[in-house]
Amino acid sequence: QVQLVESGGGLVQAGGSLRLSCAASGRTFSSYTMGWFRQAPGKEREFVAATRWNWSRSNSYYAYSVEGRFTISRDNAKNTVYLQMNSLKPEDTAVYSCAASTSVLSRTTVYSEREYDYWGQGTQVTVSS
């Protein structure tokens, strides 16, 4: 069983920055694929970013809408994954959820929420115009 706890959400003006954190339990965190997803009111949950450990290095993947503005990173010593969000836009407003897969995901399956086994409770991010 893996528990995920997000923090760092809040209210920010357009153009501002926020950093989300997700602390995970589990003794083999370094092997997990970790992802961030978001769900805006009235919309389906969508992929934001993921980090996958492969051949002793971490690979990162981003949704087109956030590439160049958001950065995912992980600290395996702290069992924590981060999402640094810069140049925020009102359309980034959503509940952001952290997810973990204990399976090895491929470069294509990292984008699919169905591949993730565990989810955090979510943290609200609101960007005002």
Foldseek 3Di string as FASTA:
>chain_A
DKAKAKDWADEEAAQAKIKMKIAMDDDPLVQKKKFKWWDDPPGDIFGAKIWHQDPNDIDMDGDPVQPPFWDWDDDVVRNMIMIIGGRDDQVVWTWMKMFIANDHDDPPCSGPPVRTDDIYPTDTHGYHD
